[in-house]
């Protein structure tokens, strides 16, 4: 695997000594937020994770090399580069073989984290089943990766633009544990309540670490979703954001936006329609996830089951 991947020295030392490491995606840098907010958020979340006693490892691809633990200079480069490929499982061979730049999705980051031996991954929200799936068959590769890859994904739930109920059903069928942190209601990215109950609520990061340890000690493959509601001060009420999302979805249909372009298009539309409130919510929920993910990683390293 050394033929394709570069692990930052700080990250490698932590892995070699059993220290806590938290993976971070790069799609949020290249496709999810505007410049310079993307860089500021990426660096700030890294610092948040360090404050919990863990080492951050931002993952991306530069010149065909998978970078696990990108430097500040590498993050700047990816944030400002043109023609950055959005990389999921199917895209790795193309991007690596052609020595291109790539930003890893949730699925792509899970793959690279697993290659490096990183168990905890912090992101904003996971992909899922799209609302018009009966016509498009559009289901995020994130869900397939959660079925097969042994990485814990700390997030703010399923992205609000998706069919959350169908996504939860898919995860249940796939055997993926879905834990809601500190709430009886499963969150919906911008909102604390998706309208669906939490199937499993856990209030303590130590208990989450214990569950993670037991799952993998039992040899049960696949990921785990840890859904963390956005802090109340920054949430956009579900009734308000759902109207905005529908307007954004209508705009996507009118513009014939499909495939990988859908989510970035919707996020930009929602940002405009909310006068930037959705972007601020996105920043705050990622920071919150970074705090919780860093704490889980630290507990996981000291846990004895």
Protein backbone atom coordinates (compact mmCIF):
# COMPACT_ATOMS: atom_id res chain seq x y z
CA UNK A 1 0.00 0.00 0.00
CA UNK A 2 3.00 2.33 0.45
CA UNK A 3 3.07 2.52 -3.34
CA UNK A 4 -0.06 4.68 -3.28
CA UNK A 5 -0.33 6.34 0.14
CA UNK A 6 1.66 8.91 2.14
CA UNK A 7 0.98 9.01 5.88
CA UNK A 8 2.15 12.15 7.67
CA UNK A 9 4.89 11.49 10.25
CA UNK A 10 2.76 12.77 13.17
CA UNK A 11 -0.09 10.48 12.16
CA UNK A 12 2.20 7.49 11.70
CA UNK A 13 3.76 7.99 15.13
CA UNK A 14 0.32 8.09 16.74
CA UNK A 15 -0.76 4.95 14.92
CA UNK A 16 2.45 3.12 15.82
CA UNK A 17 2.15 4.02 19.50
CA UNK A 18 -1.59 3.38 19.83
CA UNK A 19 -2.50 7.04 20.08
CA UNK A 20 -5.86 8.49 19.03
CA UNK A 21 -6.19 9.60 15.41
CA UNK A 22 -9.24 11.14 13.71
CA UNK A 23 -9.66 11.16 9.93
CA UNK A 24 -11.17 14.16 8.16
CA UNK A 25 -12.54 14.36 4.63
CA UNK A 26 -11.48 16.82 1.92
CA UNK A 27 -14.66 17.15 -0.15
CA UNK A 28 -15.76 19.82 2.31
CA UNK A 29 -12.59 21.71 1.33
CA UNK A 30 -12.79 21.34 -2.45
CA UNK A 31 -16.54 21.13 -3.04
CA UNK A 32 -18.52 21.78 0.13
CA UNK A 33 -17.58 25.33 1.20
CA UNK A 34 -16.47 28.53 -0.56
CA UNK A 35 -12.94 29.92 -0.31
CA UNK A 36 -11.59 30.96 2.21
CA UNK A 37 -14.21 29.50 4.58
CA UNK A 38 -13.19 26.02 3.44
CA UNK A 39 -9.60 26.47 4.59
CA UNK A 40 -10.53 28.24 7.82
CA UNK A 41 -12.98 25.48 8.74
CA UNK A 42 -10.59 22.65 7.83
CA UNK A 43 -7.81 24.09 9.99
CA UNK A 44 -10.17 24.99 12.84
CA UNK A 45 -11.61 21.47 13.01
CA UNK A 46 -8.08 20.07 13.14
CA UNK A 47 -7.39 22.28 16.16
CA UNK A 48 -10.67 21.20 17.79
CA UNK A 49 -9.60 17.56 17.48
CA UNK A 50 -6.16 18.33 18.94
CA UNK A 51 -7.85 19.94 21.94
CA UNK A 52 -9.47 16.56 22.67
CA UNK A 53 -6.05 14.90 22.75
CA UNK A 54 -6.24 13.30 19.30
CA UNK A 55 -4.23 13.75 16.09
CA UNK A 56 -6.20 15.00 13.06
CA UNK A 57 -5.57 13.37 9.68
CA UNK A 58 -7.14 15.23 6.77
CA UNK A 59 -7.30 12.92 3.75
CA UNK A 60 -7.07 13.92 0.09
CA UNK A 61 -5.22 13.11 -3.12
CA UNK A 62 -2.49 15.25 -4.69
CA UNK A 63 -0.75 14.29 -7.93
CA UNK A 64 -2.20 10.80 -7.57
CA UNK A 65 -0.80 10.27 -4.07
CA UNK A 66 -3.27 9.51 -1.26
CA UNK A 67 -2.38 11.89 1.56
CA UNK A 68 -3.32 10.86 5.10
CA UNK A 69 -2.58 13.87 7.29
CA UNK A 70 -2.40 16.77 4.86
CA UNK A 71 -0.20 19.73 5.76
CA UNK A 72 -1.57 23.26 5.87
CA UNK A 73 0.15 23.97 2.55
CA UNK A 74 -1.47 20.89 0.98
CA UNK A 75 -4.89 21.93 2.28
CA UNK A 76 -4.43 25.39 0.74
CA UNK A 77 -3.46 23.82 -2.55
CA UNK A 78 -6.50 21.55 -2.65
CA UNK A 79 -8.80 24.40 -1.63
CA UNK A 80 -7.66 26.62 -4.49
CA UNK A 81 -7.02 24.00 -7.18
CA UNK A 82 -9.20 23.64 -10.25
CA UNK A 83 -10.56 20.37 -11.63
CA UNK A 84 -10.36 18.52 -8.31
CA UNK A 85 -12.08 15.15 -8.72
CA UNK A 86 -14.69 14.12 -6.15
CA UNK A 87 -13.37 10.69 -5.14
CA UNK A 88 -15.38 7.70 -3.99
CA UNK A 89 -14.45 4.00 -4.31
CA UNK A 90 -14.86 3.81 -8.09
CA UNK A 91 -12.73 6.94 -8.66
CA UNK A 92 -9.52 5.94 -6.86
CA UNK A 93 -7.95 3.95 -9.74
CA UNK A 94 -8.61 6.73 -12.27
CA UNK A 95 -7.33 9.55 -10.06
CA UNK A 96 -4.28 7.68 -8.76
CA UNK A 97 -3.27 6.20 -12.13
CA UNK A 98 -3.52 9.59 -13.86
CA UNK A 99 -1.78 11.45 -11.02
CA UNK A 100 -4.69 13.84 -10.51
CA UNK A 101 -5.86 15.87 -7.52
CA UNK A 102 -8.87 14.49 -5.66
CA UNK A 103 -11.07 15.34 -2.69
CA UNK A 104 -12.36 12.31 -0.82
CA UNK A 105 -16.06 11.88 -0.07
CA UNK A 106 -17.31 10.13 3.06
CA UNK A 107 -16.89 6.79 1.26
CA UNK A 108 -13.48 7.74 -0.15
CA UNK A 109 -12.24 8.94 3.23
CA UNK A 110 -13.42 5.73 4.90
CA UNK A 111 -11.40 3.68 2.39
CA UNK A 112 -8.20 5.67 2.89
CA UNK A 113 -8.64 5.76 6.67
CA UNK A 114 -9.05 1.98 6.72
CA UNK A 115 -5.91 1.60 4.58
CA UNK A 116 -3.98 3.64 7.14
CA UNK A 117 -5.49 1.91 10.17
CA UNK A 118 -7.58 4.85 11.41
CA UNK A 119 -10.84 3.85 13.09
CA UNK A 120 -12.58 7.22 13.77
CA UNK A 121 -13.66 9.64 11.05
CA UNK A 122 -15.38 13.01 11.52
CA UNK A 123 -17.50 14.60 8.81
CA UNK A 124 -20.50 16.91 8.42
CA UNK A 125 -23.27 14.62 7.24
CA UNK A 126 -23.40 11.30 5.42
CA UNK A 127 -24.94 10.67 2.01
CA UNK A 128 -27.89 8.38 1.61
CA UNK A 129 -30.97 7.54 -0.40
CA UNK A 130 -32.12 10.43 -2.59
CA UNK A 131 -35.70 11.60 -2.40
CA UNK A 132 -36.60 10.58 -5.95
CA UNK A 133 -34.84 7.23 -5.76
CA UNK A 134 -37.69 5.38 -7.50
CA UNK A 135 -36.93 7.32 -10.68
CA UNK A 136 -33.17 7.79 -10.40
CA UNK A 137 -31.91 4.80 -8.35
CA UNK A 138 -29.60 7.38 -6.75
CA UNK A 139 -28.17 5.94 -3.52
CA UNK A 140 -24.95 7.34 -2.13
CA UNK A 141 -21.83 5.18 -2.20
CA UNK A 142 -21.40 6.23 1.45
CA UNK A 143 -24.01 3.62 2.41
CA UNK A 144 -22.25 0.84 0.51
CA UNK A 145 -18.99 1.75 2.22
CA UNK A 146 -20.63 1.68 5.63
CA UNK A 147 -21.64 -1.93 4.88
CA UNK A 148 -18.10 -3.08 4.21
CA UNK A 149 -15.47 -0.80 5.78
CA UNK A 150 -14.52 -0.86 9.47
CA UNK A 151 -14.60 2.87 10.16
CA UNK A 152 -16.74 4.79 12.65
CA UNK A 153 -18.33 7.88 11.10
CA UNK A 154 -19.11 10.76 13.47
CA UNK A 155 -21.58 13.09 11.76
CA UNK A 156 -24.65 15.29 12.20
CA UNK A 157 -26.86 12.62 10.69
CA UNK A 158 -27.97 12.22 7.09
CA UNK A 159 -27.81 15.29 4.84
CA UNK A 160 -31.18 17.06 5.00
CA UNK A 161 -31.62 17.06 1.21
CA UNK A 162 -32.00 13.26 1.23
CA UNK A 163 -34.71 10.78 2.14
CA UNK A 164 -33.72 10.24 5.76
CA UNK A 165 -36.30 7.55 6.50
CA UNK A 166 -35.26 5.44 3.51
CA UNK A 167 -31.60 5.92 4.44
CA UNK A 168 -32.19 4.67 7.97
CA UNK A 169 -34.03 1.64 6.56
CA UNK A 170 -31.09 0.94 4.25
CA UNK A 171 -28.61 1.14 7.12
CA UNK A 172 -30.73 -1.24 9.19
CA UNK A 173 -30.82 -3.77 6.35
CA UNK A 174 -27.07 -3.38 5.90
CA UNK A 175 -26.46 -4.14 9.59
CA UNK A 176 -24.86 -0.77 10.32
CA UNK A 177 -25.29 0.37 13.96
CA UNK A 178 -26.71 3.90 14.10
CA UNK A 179 -26.09 5.64 17.43
CA UNK A 180 -27.59 9.02 18.30
CA UNK A 181 -25.46 10.94 20.79
CA UNK A 182 -27.40 12.57 23.61
CA UNK A 183 -30.85 12.69 22.03
CA UNK A 184 -33.97 10.59 21.58
CA UNK A 185 -34.42 12.04 18.08
CA UNK A 186 -32.23 11.27 15.07
CA UNK A 187 -30.76 14.54 13.74
CA UNK A 188 -31.08 15.96 10.22
CA UNK A 189 -27.86 17.90 9.62
CA UNK A 190 -29.14 21.50 9.91
CA UNK A 191 -31.87 20.46 12.38
CA UNK A 192 -31.76 18.57 15.66
CA UNK A 193 -34.86 16.50 14.86
CA UNK A 194 -35.32 14.66 11.56
CA UNK A 195 -38.78 13.47 12.53
CA UNK A 196 -37.42 9.98 13.23
CA UNK A 197 -36.71 8.50 16.67
CA UNK A 198 -33.24 7.45 17.71
CA UNK A 199 -33.04 3.66 17.55
CA UNK A 200 -30.08 3.69 19.96
CA UNK A 201 -29.30 6.65 22.20
CA UNK A 202 -25.97 6.85 24.05
CA UNK A 203 -25.02 9.83 26.22
CA UNK A 204 -21.42 9.01 27.16
CA UNK A 205 -18.40 8.84 24.83
CA UNK A 206 -16.91 6.09 26.98
CA UNK A 207 -19.97 3.93 26.37
CA UNK A 208 -19.66 4.59 22.63
CA UNK A 209 -16.01 3.54 22.75
CA UNK A 210 -17.04 0.33 24.52
CA UNK A 211 -19.63 -0.44 21.83
CA UNK A 212 -17.06 0.16 19.09
CA UNK A 213 -14.56 -2.14 20.77
CA UNK A 214 -17.10 -4.93 21.22
CA UNK A 215 -18.33 -4.75 17.62
CA UNK A 216 -14.89 -5.16 16.12
CA UNK A 217 -13.67 -7.65 18.72
CA UNK A 218 -16.63 -9.79 17.65
CA UNK A 219 -15.40 -9.69 14.07
CA UNK A 220 -18.48 -7.84 12.80
CA UNK A 221 -17.45 -5.98 9.68
CA UNK A 222 -18.73 -2.62 8.49
CA UNK A 223 -18.96 0.88 9.83
CA UNK A 224 -20.85 2.58 12.64
CA UNK A 225 -22.74 5.88 12.41
CA UNK A 226 -22.53 8.22 15.40
CA UNK A 227 -25.13 10.95 14.79
CA UNK A 228 -24.59 14.15 16.80
CA UNK A 229 -27.33 16.81 16.76
CA UNK A 230 -26.16 20.28 15.77
CA UNK A 231 -25.87 22.62 18.81
CA UNK A 232 -29.26 24.18 19.42
CA UNK A 233 -28.01 27.74 19.02
CA UNK A 234 -27.06 27.10 15.40
CA UNK A 235 -29.83 24.84 14.13
CA UNK A 236 -32.26 25.80 11.39
CA UNK A 237 -35.74 24.52 12.33
CA UNK A 238 -36.85 21.58 10.22
CA UNK A 239 -40.00 23.30 8.94
CA UNK A 240 -37.95 26.24 7.67
CA UNK A 241 -35.14 24.27 6.07
CA UNK A 242 -37.48 21.78 4.40
CA UNK A 243 -39.16 24.57 2.42
CA UNK A 244 -35.74 25.81 1.36
CA UNK A 245 -34.57 22.32 0.41
CA UNK A 246 -37.61 21.80 -1.80
CA UNK A 247 -36.86 25.04 -3.65
CA UNK A 248 -33.26 23.90 -4.13
CA UNK A 249 -34.41 20.49 -5.38
CA UNK A 250 -36.75 22.14 -7.87
CA UNK A 251 -33.86 24.29 -9.10
CA UNK A 252 -31.69 21.20 -9.55
CA UNK A 253 -34.36 19.54 -11.69
CA UNK A 254 -34.80 22.68 -13.78
CA UNK A 255 -31.04 22.89 -14.34
CA UNK A 256 -30.78 19.15 -15.11
CA UNK A 257 -28.21 18.62 -12.35
CA UNK A 258 -27.42 14.93 -11.84
CA UNK A 259 -24.86 12.55 -10.29
CA UNK A 260 -21.97 13.97 -8.28
CA UNK A 261 -23.04 17.53 -9.05
CA UNK A 262 -26.30 17.26 -7.13
CA UNK A 263 -25.14 17.70 -3.53
CA UNK A 264 -22.72 20.63 -4.16
CA UNK A 265 -25.42 22.34 -6.24
CA UNK A 266 -28.04 21.91 -3.52
CA UNK A 267 -25.70 23.15 -0.78
CA UNK A 268 -24.93 26.29 -2.77
CA UNK A 269 -28.61 26.91 -3.49
CA UNK A 270 -29.51 26.44 0.17
CA UNK A 271 -26.73 28.81 1.24
CA UNK A 272 -28.09 31.50 -1.07
CA UNK A 273 -31.70 30.95 -0.03
CA UNK A 274 -30.85 31.15 3.68
CA UNK A 275 -28.58 34.20 3.31
CA UNK A 276 -25.61 32.18 4.53
CA UNK A 277 -27.26 30.72 7.64
CA UNK A 278 -26.86 27.19 6.30
CA UNK A 279 -23.12 27.70 5.82
CA UNK A 280 -22.73 28.89 9.42
CA UNK A 281 -24.75 25.88 10.61
CA UNK A 282 -22.50 23.60 8.56
CA UNK A 283 -19.38 25.08 10.14
CA UNK A 284 -20.75 24.74 13.67
CA UNK A 285 -21.97 21.17 13.29
CA UNK A 286 -18.61 20.06 11.91
CA UNK A 287 -16.88 21.68 14.89
CA UNK A 288 -19.27 19.91 17.25
CA UNK A 289 -18.63 16.60 15.52
CA UNK A 290 -14.88 17.22 15.79
CA UNK A 291 -15.16 17.67 19.55
CA UNK A 292 -17.18 14.49 20.02
CA UNK A 293 -15.13 12.47 17.53
CA UNK A 294 -11.87 13.50 19.18
CA UNK A 295 -13.22 12.48 22.58
CA UNK A 296 -14.37 9.10 21.27
CA UNK A 297 -10.97 8.47 19.67
CA UNK A 298 -9.22 9.29 22.93
CA UNK A 299 -11.53 7.01 24.93
CA UNK A 300 -11.17 4.23 22.39
CA UNK A 301 -7.40 4.18 22.88
CA UNK A 302 -7.67 3.82 26.64
CA UNK A 303 -10.67 1.52 26.74
CA UNK A 304 -10.29 -1.96 28.21
CA UNK A 305 -13.32 -4.17 27.63
